Amino acid sequence: KPIQEMDGESDLGKRHILISKEPRLLEGFTLNRRYL
């Protein structure tokens, strides 16, 4: 969601999802809650 909100040029409902602009926001995402 915050990556999509970085598109300040497009209107709400049409904002692009440009992961390549801030790819490291996904780093560290874990698939686990019980055992990290």
Full PDB file with SEQRES, HELIX, SHEET, SSBOND, CRYST1, ORIGX, SCALE, CONECT and MASTER records, all heavy atoms in Angstrom:
SEQRES   1 A   36  LYS PRO ILE GLN GLU MET ASP GLY GLU SER ASP LEU GLY          
SEQRES   2 A   36  LYS ARG HIS ILE LEU ILE SER LYS GLU PRO ARG LEU LEU          
SEQRES   3 A   36  GLU GLY PHE THR LEU ASN ARG ARG TYR LEU                      
HELIX    1 AA1 PRO A    2  GLU A    5  1                                   4    
HELIX    2 AA2 ILE A   19  LYS A   21  5                                   3    
HELIX    3 AA3 PRO A   23  LEU A   26  5                                   4    
CRYST1    1.000    1.000    1.000  90.00  90.00  90.00 P 1           1          
ORIGX1      1.000000  0.000000  0.000000        0.00000                         
ORIGX2      0.000000  1.000000  0.000000        0.00000                         
ORIGX3      0.000000  0.000000  1.000000        0.00000                         
SCALE1      1.000000  0.000000  0.000000        0.00000                         
SCALE2      0.000000  1.000000  0.000000        0.00000                         
SCALE3      0.000000  0.000000  1.000000        0.00000                         
ATOM      1  N   LYS A   1       0.816  -1.213   0.000  1.00  0.00           N  
ATOM      2  CA  LYS A   1       0.000   0.000   0.000  1.00  0.00           C  
ATOM      3  C   LYS A   1       0.855   1.272   0.000  1.00  0.00           C  
ATOM      4  O   LYS A   1       0.626   2.180  -0.803  1.00  0.00           O  
ATOM      5  CB  LYS A   1      -0.969   0.000   1.177  1.00  0.00           C  
ATOM      6  CG  LYS A   1      -2.075   1.057   1.072  1.00  0.00           C  
ATOM      7  CD  LYS A   1      -3.107   0.855   2.169  1.00  0.00           C  
ATOM      8  CE  LYS A   1      -4.330   1.728   1.945  1.00  0.00           C  
ATOM      9  NZ  LYS A   1      -4.039   3.154   2.060  1.00  0.00           N  
ATOM     10  N   PRO A   2       1.864   1.402   0.903  1.00  0.00           N  
ATOM     11  CA  PRO A   2       2.691   2.609   0.849  1.00  0.00           C  
ATOM     12  C   PRO A   2       3.477   2.751  -0.449  1.00  0.00           C  
ATOM     13  O   PRO A   2       3.771   3.873  -0.883  1.00  0.00           O  
ATOM     14  CB  PRO A   2       3.621   2.467   2.054  1.00  0.00           C  
ATOM     15  CG  PRO A   2       3.567   1.040   2.440  1.00  0.00           C  
ATOM     16  CD  PRO A   2       2.215   0.547   2.052  1.00  0.00           C  
ATOM     17  N   ILE A   3       3.827   1.618  -1.086  1.00  0.00           N  
ATOM     18  CA  ILE A   3       4.501   1.691  -2.385  1.00  0.00           C  
ATOM     19  C   ILE A   3       3.555   2.282  -3.420  1.00  0.00           C  
ATOM     20  O   ILE A   3       3.940   3.153  -4.211  1.00  0.00           O  
ATOM     21  CB  ILE A   3       4.997   0.292  -2.812  1.00  0.00           C  
ATOM     22  CG1 ILE A   3       6.087  -0.195  -1.856  1.00  0.00           C  
ATOM     23  CG2 ILE A   3       5.505   0.313  -4.257  1.00  0.00           C  
ATOM     24  CD1 ILE A   3       6.596  -1.590  -2.150  1.00  0.00           C  
ATOM     25  N   GLN A   4       2.296   1.838  -3.419  1.00  0.00           N  
ATOM     26  CA  GLN A   4       1.306   2.379  -4.348  1.00  0.00           C  
ATOM     27  C   GLN A   4       1.054   3.861  -4.079  1.00  0.00           C  
ATOM     28  O   GLN A   4       0.883   4.653  -5.012  1.00  0.00           O  
ATOM     29  CB  GLN A   4       0.016   1.581  -4.229  1.00  0.00           C  
ATOM     30  CG  GLN A   4      -1.012   1.893  -5.308  1.00  0.00           C  
ATOM     31  CD  GLN A   4      -2.184   0.922  -5.249  1.00  0.00           C  
ATOM     32  OE1 GLN A   4      -2.651   0.555  -4.170  1.00  0.00           O  
ATOM     33  NE2 GLN A   4      -2.665   0.496  -6.396  1.00  0.00           N  
ATOM     34  N   GLU A   5       1.039   4.250  -2.813  1.00  0.00           N  
ATOM     35  CA  GLU A   5       0.772   5.641  -2.457  1.00  0.00           C  
ATOM     36  C   GLU A   5       1.902   6.580  -2.850  1.00  0.00           C  
ATOM     37  O   GLU A   5       1.726   7.803  -2.847  1.00  0.00           O  
ATOM     38  CB  GLU A   5       0.508   5.736  -0.950  1.00  0.00           C  
ATOM     39  CG  GLU A   5      -0.827   5.102  -0.542  1.00  0.00           C  
ATOM     40  CD  GLU A   5      -1.000   5.017   0.965  1.00  0.00           C  
ATOM     41  OE1 GLU A   5       0.014   5.197   1.685  1.00  0.00           O  
ATOM     42  OE2 GLU A   5      -2.136   4.778   1.422  1.00  0.00           O  
ATOM     43  N   MET A   6       3.072   6.036  -3.209  1.00  0.00           N  
ATOM     44  CA  MET A   6       4.185   6.866  -3.667  1.00  0.00           C  
ATOM     45  C   MET A   6       3.960   7.408  -5.071  1.00  0.00           C  
ATOM     46  O   MET A   6       4.678   8.311  -5.511  1.00  0.00           O  
ATOM     47  CB  MET A   6       5.495   6.069  -3.625  1.00  0.00           C  
ATOM     48  CG  MET A   6       5.982   5.779  -2.225  1.00  0.00           C  
ATOM     49  SD  MET A   6       7.483   4.772  -2.227  1.00  0.00           S  
ATOM     50  CE  MET A   6       7.669   4.454  -0.471  1.00  0.00           C  
ATOM     51  N   ASP A   7       2.985   6.854  -5.772  1.00  0.00           N  
ATOM     52  CA  ASP A   7       2.623   7.394  -7.090  1.00  0.00           C  
ATOM     53  C   ASP A   7       1.805   8.659  -6.861  1.00  0.00           C  
ATOM     54  O   ASP A   7       0.591   8.610  -6.655  1.00  0.00           O  
ATOM     55  CB  ASP A   7       1.821   6.359  -7.879  1.00  0.00           C  
ATOM     56  CG  ASP A   7       1.394   6.870  -9.258  1.00  0.00           C  
ATOM     57  OD1 ASP A   7       1.775   8.014  -9.612  1.00  0.00           O  
ATOM     58  OD2 ASP A   7       0.690   6.143  -9.966  1.00  0.00           O  
ATOM     59  N   GLY A   8       2.475   9.786  -6.893  1.00  0.00           N  
ATOM     60  CA  GLY A   8       1.819  11.063  -6.636  1.00  0.00           C  
ATOM     61  C   GLY A   8       1.244  11.726  -7.871  1.00  0.00           C  
ATOM     62  O   GLY A   8       0.684  12.828  -7.771  1.00  0.00           O  
ATOM     63  N   GLU A   9       1.351  11.083  -9.020  1.00  0.00           N  
ATOM     64  CA  GLU A   9       0.880  11.688 -10.266  1.00  0.00           C  
ATOM     65  C   GLU A   9      -0.481  11.153 -10.690  1.00  0.00           C  
ATOM     66  O   GLU A   9      -1.287  11.889 -11.268  1.00  0.00           O  
ATOM     67  CB  GLU A   9       1.907  11.440 -11.382  1.00  0.00           C  
ATOM     68  CG  GLU A   9       3.270  12.079 -11.104  1.00  0.00           C  
ATOM     69  CD  GLU A   9       4.259  11.825 -12.221  1.00  0.00           C  
ATOM     70  OE1 GLU A   9       3.862  11.188 -13.230  1.00  0.00           O  
ATOM     71  OE2 GLU A   9       5.423  12.245 -12.094  1.00  0.00           O  
ATOM     72  N   SER A  10      -0.743   9.894 -10.414  1.00  0.00           N  
ATOM     73  CA  SER A  10      -2.008   9.278 -10.846  1.00  0.00           C  
ATOM     74  C   SER A  10      -3.108   9.553  -9.829  1.00  0.00           C  
ATOM     75  O   SER A  10      -2.860   9.809  -8.652  1.00  0.00           O  
ATOM     76  CB  SER A  10      -1.835   7.767 -11.022  1.00  0.00           C  
ATOM     77  OG  SER A  10      -0.769   7.475 -11.915  1.00  0.00           O  
ATOM     78  N   ASP A  11      -4.359   9.505 -10.304  1.00  0.00           N  
ATOM     79  CA  ASP A  11      -5.514   9.722  -9.439  1.00  0.00           C  
ATOM     80  C   ASP A  11      -5.771   8.495  -8.567  1.00  0.00           C  
ATOM     81  O   ASP A  11      -5.370   7.369  -8.916  1.00  0.00           O  
ATOM     82  CB  ASP A  11      -6.765  10.001 -10.279  1.00  0.00           C  
ATOM     83  CG  ASP A  11      -6.661  11.310 -11.068  1.00  0.00           C  
ATOM     84  OD1 ASP A  11      -5.946  12.220 -10.591  1.00  0.00           O  
ATOM     85  OD2 ASP A  11      -7.273  11.396 -12.148  1.00  0.00           O  
ATOM     86  N   LEU A  12      -6.457   8.707  -7.443  1.00  0.00           N  
ATOM     87  CA  LEU A  12      -6.879   7.608  -6.594  1.00  0.00           C  
ATOM     88  C   LEU A  12      -7.701   6.610  -7.414  1.00  0.00           C  
ATOM     89  O   LEU A  12      -8.591   6.991  -8.158  1.00  0.00           O  
ATOM     90  CB  LEU A  12      -7.723   8.142  -5.435  1.00  0.00           C  
ATOM     91  CG  LEU A  12      -8.316   7.094  -4.479  1.00  0.00           C  
ATOM     92  CD1 LEU A  12      -7.212   6.374  -3.725  1.00  0.00           C  
ATOM     93  CD2 LEU A  12      -9.296   7.748  -3.514  1.00  0.00           C  
ATOM     94  N   GLY A  13      -7.384   5.366  -7.270  1.00  0.00           N  
ATOM     95  CA  GLY A  13      -8.052   4.320  -8.042  1.00  0.00           C  
ATOM     96  C   GLY A  13      -7.281   3.911  -9.269  1.00  0.00           C  
ATOM     97  O   GLY A  13      -7.591   2.896  -9.889  1.00  0.00           O  
ATOM     98  N   LYS A  14      -6.244   4.718  -9.616  1.00  0.00           N  
ATOM     99  CA  LYS A  14      -5.469   4.444 -10.824  1.00  0.00           C  
ATOM    100  C   LYS A  14      -3.963   4.443 -10.563  1.00  0.00           C  
ATOM    101  O   LYS A  14      -3.169   4.449 -11.495  1.00  0.00           O  
ATOM    102  CB  LYS A  14      -5.794   5.475 -11.909  1.00  0.00           C  
ATOM    103  CG  LYS A  14      -7.268   5.550 -12.289  1.00  0.00           C  
ATOM    104  CD  LYS A  14      -7.520   6.636 -13.313  1.00  0.00           C  
ATOM    105  CE  LYS A  14      -8.998   6.724 -13.686  1.00  0.00           C  
ATOM    106  NZ  LYS A  14      -9.257   7.802 -14.675  1.00  0.00           N  
ATOM    107  N   ARG A  15      -3.579   4.485  -9.285  1.00  0.00           N  
ATOM    108  CA  ARG A  15      -2.166   4.599  -8.959  1.00  0.00           C  
ATOM    109  C   ARG A  15      -1.415   3.298  -9.254  1.00  0.00           C  
ATOM    110  O   ARG A  15      -1.882   2.207  -8.936  1.00  0.00           O  
ATOM    111  CB  ARG A  15      -1.992   5.001  -7.492  1.00  0.00           C  
ATOM    112  CG  ARG A  15      -2.460   6.423  -7.212  1.00  0.00           C  
ATOM    113  CD  ARG A  15      -2.299   6.830  -5.769  1.00  0.00           C  
ATOM    114  NE  ARG A  15      -3.162   6.059  -4.874  1.00  0.00           N  
ATOM    115  CZ  ARG A  15      -3.320   6.345  -3.589  1.00  0.00           C  
ATOM    116  NH1 ARG A  15      -2.668   7.376  -3.041  1.00  0.00           N  
ATOM    117  NH2 ARG A  15      -4.120   5.615  -2.834  1.00  0.00           N  
ATOM    118  N   HIS A  16      -0.250   3.429  -9.881  1.00  0.00           N  
ATOM    119  CA  HIS A  16       0.572   2.282 -10.247  1.00  0.00           C  
ATOM    120  C   HIS A  16       1.225   1.679  -8.992  1.00  0.00           C  
ATOM    121  O   HIS A  16       1.319   2.329  -7.944  1.00  0.00           O  
ATOM    122  CB  HIS A  16       1.651   2.685 -11.245  1.00  0.00           C  
ATOM    123  CG  HIS A  16       1.124   3.416 -12.448  1.00  0.00           C  
ATOM    124  ND1 HIS A  16       0.079   2.933 -13.216  1.00  0.00           N  
ATOM    125  CD2 HIS A  16       1.485   4.598 -13.017  1.00  0.00           C  
ATOM    126  CE1 HIS A  16      -0.169   3.778 -14.208  1.00  0.00           C  
ATOM    127  NE2 HIS A  16       0.658   4.795 -14.097  1.00  0.00           N  
ATOM    128  N   ILE A  17       1.707   0.455  -9.135  1.00  0.00           N  
ATOM    129  CA  ILE A  17       2.422  -0.235  -8.058  1.00  0.00           C  
ATOM    130  C   ILE A  17       3.845  -0.460  -8.548  1.00  0.00           C  
ATOM    131  O   ILE A  17       4.156  -1.474  -9.184  1.00  0.00           O  
ATOM    132  CB  ILE A  17       1.727  -1.558  -7.703  1.00  0.00           C  
ATOM    133  CG1 ILE A  17       0.249  -1.303  -7.376  1.00  0.00           C  
ATOM    134  CG2 ILE A  17       2.426  -2.232  -6.518  1.00  0.00           C  
ATOM    135  CD1 ILE A  17      -0.594  -2.550  -7.345  1.00  0.00           C  
ATOM    136  N   LEU A  18       4.712   0.508  -8.266  1.00  0.00           N  
ATOM    137  CA  LEU A  18       6.067   0.514  -8.809  1.00  0.00           C  
ATOM    138  C   LEU A  18       7.032  -0.011  -7.751  1.00  0.00           C  
ATOM    139  O   LEU A  18       7.737   0.756  -7.081  1.00  0.00           O  
ATOM    140  CB  LEU A  18       6.437   1.923  -9.265  1.00  0.00           C  
ATOM    141  CG  LEU A  18       5.456   2.574 -10.256  1.00  0.00           C  
ATOM    142  CD1 LEU A  18       5.904   3.978 -10.627  1.00  0.00           C  
ATOM    143  CD2 LEU A  18       5.293   1.705 -11.507  1.00  0.00           C  
ATOM    144  N   ILE A  19       7.075  -1.321  -7.621  1.00  0.00           N  
ATOM    145  CA  ILE A  19       7.946  -1.951  -6.632  1.00  0.00           C  
ATOM    146  C   ILE A  19       9.401  -1.605  -6.893  1.00  0.00           C  
ATOM    147  O   ILE A  19      10.199  -1.444  -5.955  1.00  0.00           O  
ATOM    148  CB  ILE A  19       7.725  -3.475  -6.639  1.00  0.00           C  
ATOM    149  CG1 ILE A  19       6.282  -3.798  -6.206  1.00  0.00           C  
ATOM    150  CG2 ILE A  19       8.723  -4.190  -5.735  1.00  0.00           C  
ATOM    151  CD1 ILE A  19       5.910  -5.258  -6.352  1.00  0.00           C  
ATOM    152  N   SER A  20       9.775  -1.444  -8.159  1.00  0.00           N  
ATOM    153  CA  SER A  20      11.166  -1.157  -8.509  1.00  0.00           C  
ATOM    154  C   SER A  20      11.651   0.193  -7.984  1.00  0.00           C  
ATOM    155  O   SER A  20      12.859   0.428  -7.910  1.00  0.00           O  
ATOM    156  CB  SER A  20      11.344  -1.202 -10.034  1.00  0.00           C  
ATOM    157  OG  SER A  20      10.554  -0.201 -10.663  1.00  0.00           O  
ATOM    158  N   LYS A  21      10.721   1.070  -7.600  1.00  0.00           N  
ATOM    159  CA  LYS A  21      11.119   2.371  -7.058  1.00  0.00           C  
ATOM    160  C   LYS A  21      11.615   2.237  -5.617  1.00  0.00           C  
ATOM    161  O   LYS A  21      12.492   2.985  -5.181  1.00  0.00           O  
ATOM    162  CB  LYS A  21       9.937   3.349  -7.110  1.00  0.00           C  
ATOM    163  CG  LYS A  21       9.445   3.677  -8.515  1.00  0.00           C  
ATOM    164  CD  LYS A  21      10.492   4.433  -9.307  1.00  0.00           C  
ATOM    165  CE  LYS A  21       9.926   4.844 -10.673  1.00  0.00           C  
ATOM    166  NZ  LYS A  21      10.944   5.544 -11.496  1.00  0.00           N  
ATOM    167  N   GLU A  22      11.024   1.332  -4.855  1.00  0.00           N  
ATOM    168  CA  GLU A  22      11.408   1.107  -3.454  1.00  0.00           C  
ATOM    169  C   GLU A  22      11.418  -0.396  -3.160  1.00  0.00           C  
ATOM    170  O   GLU A  22      10.682  -0.874  -2.299  1.00  0.00           O  
ATOM    171  CB  GLU A  22      10.446   1.825  -2.508  1.00  0.00           C  
ATOM    172  CG  GLU A  22      10.504   3.326  -2.568  1.00  0.00           C  
ATOM    173  CD  GLU A  22      11.796   3.896  -1.996  1.00  0.00           C  
ATOM    174  OE1 GLU A  22      12.501   3.165  -1.272  1.00  0.00           O  
ATOM    175  OE2 GLU A  22      12.093   5.069  -2.263  1.00  0.00           O  
ATOM    176  N   PRO A  23      12.272  -1.151  -3.847  1.00  0.00           N  
ATOM    177  CA  PRO A  23      12.207  -2.613  -3.713  1.00  0.00           C  
ATOM    178  C   PRO A  23      12.540  -3.113  -2.311  1.00  0.00           C  
ATOM    179  O   PRO A  23      12.016  -4.137  -1.871  1.00  0.00           O  
ATOM    180  CB  PRO A  23      13.232  -3.108  -4.739  1.00  0.00           C  
ATOM    181  CG  PRO A  23      14.175  -1.964  -4.917  1.00  0.00           C  
ATOM    182  CD  PRO A  23      13.341  -0.732  -4.776  1.00  0.00           C  
ATOM    183  N   ARG A  24      13.379  -2.385  -1.595  1.00  0.00           N  
ATOM    184  CA  ARG A  24      13.835  -2.891  -0.298  1.00  0.00           C  
ATOM    185  C   ARG A  24      12.775  -2.802   0.795  1.00  0.00           C  
ATOM    186  O   ARG A  24      12.999  -3.305   1.904  1.00  0.00           O  
ATOM    187  CB  ARG A  24      15.110  -2.176   0.118  1.00  0.00           C  
ATOM    188  CG  ARG A  24      16.263  -2.486  -0.813  1.00  0.00           C  
ATOM    189  CD  ARG A  24      17.613  -2.247  -0.219  1.00  0.00           C  
ATOM    190  NE  ARG A  24      18.656  -2.839  -1.028  1.00  0.00           N  
ATOM    191  CZ  ARG A  24      19.955  -2.735  -0.749  1.00  0.00           C  
ATOM    192  NH1 ARG A  24      20.335  -2.055   0.330  1.00  0.00           N  
ATOM    193  NH2 ARG A  24      20.852  -3.303  -1.523  1.00  0.00           N  
ATOM    194  N   LEU A  25      11.639  -2.190   0.495  1.00  0.00           N  
ATOM    195  CA  LEU A  25      10.545  -2.211   1.456  1.00  0.00           C  
ATOM    196  C   LEU A  25      10.023  -3.625   1.684  1.00  0.00           C  
ATOM    197  O   LEU A  25       9.382  -3.906   2.699  1.00  0.00           O  
ATOM    198  CB  LEU A  25       9.403  -1.300   0.994  1.00  0.00           C  
ATOM    199  CG  LEU A  25       9.665   0.204   1.068  1.00  0.00           C  
ATOM    200  CD1 LEU A  25       8.457   0.983   0.575  1.00  0.00           C  
ATOM    201  CD2 LEU A  25      10.008   0.634   2.494  1.00  0.00           C  
ATOM    202  N   LEU A  26      10.306  -4.521   0.727  1.00  0.00           N  
ATOM    203  CA  LEU A  26       9.874  -5.914   0.868  1.00  0.00           C  
ATOM    204  C   LEU A  26      10.894  -6.776   1.605  1.00  0.00           C  
ATOM    205  O   LEU A  26      10.582  -7.890   2.022  1.00  0.00           O  
ATOM    206  CB  LEU A  26       9.604  -6.530  -0.509  1.00  0.00           C  
ATOM    207  CG  LEU A  26       8.473  -5.919  -1.333  1.00  0.00           C  
ATOM    208  CD1 LEU A  26       8.404  -6.580  -2.699  1.00  0.00           C  
ATOM    209  CD2 LEU A  26       7.143  -6.070  -0.615  1.00  0.00           C  
ATOM    210  N   GLU A  27      12.108  -6.263   1.762  1.00  0.00           N  
ATOM    211  CA  GLU A  27      13.147  -7.043   2.432  1.00  0.00           C  
ATOM    212  C   GLU A  27      12.781  -7.303   3.883  1.00  0.00           C  
ATOM    213  O   GLU A  27      12.284  -6.422   4.584  1.00  0.00           O  
ATOM    214  CB  GLU A  27      14.496  -6.313   2.371  1.00  0.00           C  
ATOM    215  CG  GLU A  27      15.269  -6.585   1.121  1.00  0.00           C  
ATOM    216  CD  GLU A  27      16.677  -6.003   1.160  1.00  0.00           C  
ATOM    217  OE1 GLU A  27      17.175  -5.701   2.264  1.00  0.00           O  
ATOM    218  OE2 GLU A  27      17.267  -5.823   0.081  1.00  0.00           O  
ATOM    219  N   GLY A  28      13.041  -8.502   4.332  1.00  0.00           N  
ATOM    220  CA  GLY A  28      12.760  -8.867   5.710  1.00  0.00           C  
ATOM    221  C   GLY A  28      11.373  -9.424   5.933  1.00  0.00           C  
ATOM    222  O   GLY A  28      11.060  -9.866   7.045  1.00  0.00           O  
ATOM    223  N   PHE A  29      10.520  -9.392   4.894  1.00  0.00           N  
ATOM    224  CA  PHE A  29       9.169  -9.940   5.072  1.00  0.00           C  
ATOM    225  C   PHE A  29       9.262 -11.407   5.456  1.00  0.00           C  
ATOM    226  O   PHE A  29       9.920 -12.201   4.791  1.00  0.00           O  
ATOM    227  CB  PHE A  29       8.344  -9.778   3.795  1.00  0.00           C  
ATOM    228  CG  PHE A  29       6.945 -10.299   3.933  1.00  0.00           C  
ATOM    229  CD1 PHE A  29       5.964  -9.524   4.522  1.00  0.00           C  
ATOM    230  CD2 PHE A  29       6.606 -11.583   3.503  1.00  0.00           C  
ATOM    231  CE1 PHE A  29       4.659 -10.020   4.673  1.00  0.00           C  
ATOM    232  CE2 PHE A  29       5.326 -12.081   3.648  1.00  0.00           C  
ATOM    233  CZ  PHE A  29       4.355 -11.286   4.245  1.00  0.00           C  
ATOM    234  N   THR A  30       8.590 -11.780   6.539  1.00  0.00           N  
ATOM    235  CA  THR A  30       8.685 -13.147   7.049  1.00  0.00           C  
ATOM    236  C   THR A  30       7.431 -13.952   6.736  1.00  0.00           C  
ATOM    237  O   THR A  30       6.321 -13.413   6.720  1.00  0.00           O  
ATOM    238  CB  THR A  30       8.938 -13.145   8.567  1.00  0.00           C  
ATOM    239  OG1 THR A  30       8.973 -14.501   9.042  1.00  0.00           O  
ATOM    240  CG2 THR A  30       7.843 -12.381   9.314  1.00  0.00           C  
ATOM    241  N   LEU A  31       7.626 -15.220   6.497  1.00  0.00           N  
ATOM    242  CA  LEU A  31       6.513 -16.143   6.244  1.00  0.00           C  
ATOM    243  C   LEU A  31       6.053 -16.838   7.518  1.00  0.00           C  
ATOM    244  O   LEU A  31       5.202 -17.717   7.464  1.00  0.00           O  
ATOM    245  CB  LEU A  31       6.915 -17.202   5.213  1.00  0.00           C  
ATOM    246  CG  LEU A  31       6.845 -16.809   3.727  1.00  0.00           C  
ATOM    247  CD1 LEU A  31       7.859 -15.730   3.394  1.00  0.00           C  
ATOM    248  CD2 LEU A  31       7.069 -18.022   2.824  1.00  0.00           C  
ATOM    249  N   ASN A  32       6.623 -16.422   8.646  1.00  0.00           N  
ATOM    250  CA  ASN A  32       6.336 -17.127   9.895  1.00  0.00           C  
ATOM    251  C   ASN A  32       6.061 -16.171  11.041  1.00  0.00           C  
ATOM    252  O   ASN A  32       6.604 -15.072  11.089  1.00  0.00           O  
ATOM    253  CB  ASN A  32       7.506 -18.036  10.277  1.00  0.00           C  
ATOM    254  CG  ASN A  32       7.857 -19.011   9.189  1.00  0.00           C  
ATOM    255  OD1 ASN A  32       8.653 -18.699   8.319  1.00  0.00           O  
ATOM    256  ND2 ASN A  32       7.235 -20.168   9.208  1.00  0.00           N  
ATOM    257  N   ARG A  33       5.231 -16.626  11.953  1.00  0.00           N  
ATOM    258  CA  ARG A  33       4.976 -15.907  13.195  1.00  0.00           C  
ATOM    259  C   ARG A  33       5.380 -16.737  14.411  1.00  0.00           C  
ATOM    260  O   ARG A  33       5.754 -16.189  15.437  1.00  0.00           O  
ATOM    261  CB  ARG A  33       3.495 -15.534  13.291  1.00  0.00           C  
ATOM    262  CG  ARG A  33       3.108 -14.426  12.311  1.00  0.00           C  
ATOM    263  CD  ARG A  33       1.649 -14.082  12.375  1.00  0.00           C  
ATOM    264  NE  ARG A  33       1.340 -12.939  11.536  1.00  0.00           N  
ATOM    265  CZ  ARG A  33       0.112 -12.546  11.230  1.00  0.00           C  
ATOM    266  NH1 ARG A  33      -0.930 -13.219  11.724  1.00  0.00           N  
ATOM    267  NH2 ARG A  33      -0.093 -11.497  10.468  1.00  0.00           N  
ATOM    268  N   ARG A  34       5.302 -18.043  14.272  1.00  0.00           N  
ATOM    269  CA  ARG A  34       5.631 -18.908  15.409  1.00  0.00           C  
ATOM    270  C   ARG A  34       7.135 -19.006  15.611  1.00  0.00           C  
ATOM    271  O   ARG A  34       7.647 -18.797  16.711  1.00  0.00           O  
ATOM    272  CB  ARG A  34       5.029 -20.299  15.190  1.00  0.00           C  
ATOM    273  CG  ARG A  34       5.178 -21.213  16.382  1.00  0.00           C  
ATOM    274  CD  ARG A  34       4.536 -22.562  16.124  1.00  0.00           C  
ATOM    275  NE  ARG A  34       4.663 -23.439  17.287  1.00  0.00           N  
ATOM    276  CZ  ARG A  34       4.367 -24.730  17.268  1.00  0.00           C  
ATOM    277  NH1 ARG A  34       3.908 -25.288  16.157  1.00  0.00           N  
ATOM    278  NH2 ARG A  34       4.513 -25.464  18.344  1.00  0.00           N  
ATOM    279  N   TYR A  35       7.860 -19.350  14.556  1.00  0.00           N  
ATOM    280  CA  TYR A  35       9.321 -19.427  14.621  1.00  0.00           C  
ATOM    281  C   TYR A  35       9.901 -18.591  13.489  1.00  0.00           C  
ATOM    282  O   TYR A  35       9.733 -18.926  12.322  1.00  0.00           O  
ATOM    283  CB  TYR A  35       9.803 -20.876  14.481  1.00  0.00           C  
ATOM    284  CG  TYR A  35       9.310 -21.801  15.567  1.00  0.00           C  
ATOM    285  CD1 TYR A  35       8.373 -22.794  15.274  1.00  0.00           C  
ATOM    286  CD2 TYR A  35       9.772 -21.688  16.877  1.00  0.00           C  
ATOM    287  CE1 TYR A  35       7.916 -23.653  16.262  1.00  0.00           C  
ATOM    288  CE2 TYR A  35       9.307 -22.535  17.873  1.00  0.00           C  
ATOM    289  CZ  TYR A  35       8.385 -23.514  17.566  1.00  0.00           C  
ATOM    290  OH  TYR A  35       7.928 -24.348  18.540  1.00  0.00           O  
ATOM    291  N   LEU A  36      10.583 -17.512  13.837  1.00  0.00           N  
ATOM    292  CA  LEU A  36      11.228 -16.687  12.826  1.00  0.00           C  
ATOM    293  C   LEU A  36      12.518 -17.353  12.365  1.00  0.00           C  
ATOM    294  O   LEU A  36      13.158 -18.098  13.119  1.00  0.00           O  
ATOM    295  CB  LEU A  36      11.524 -15.297  13.381  1.00  0.00           C  
ATOM    296  CG  LEU A  36      10.324 -14.483  13.862  1.00  0.00           C  
ATOM    297  CD1 LEU A  36      10.783 -13.130  14.380  1.00  0.00           C  
ATOM    298  CD2 LEU A  36       9.286 -14.327  12.762  1.00  0.00           C  
TER     299      LEU A  36                                                      
MASTER        0    0    0    3    0    0    0    6  298    1    0    3          
END                                                                             
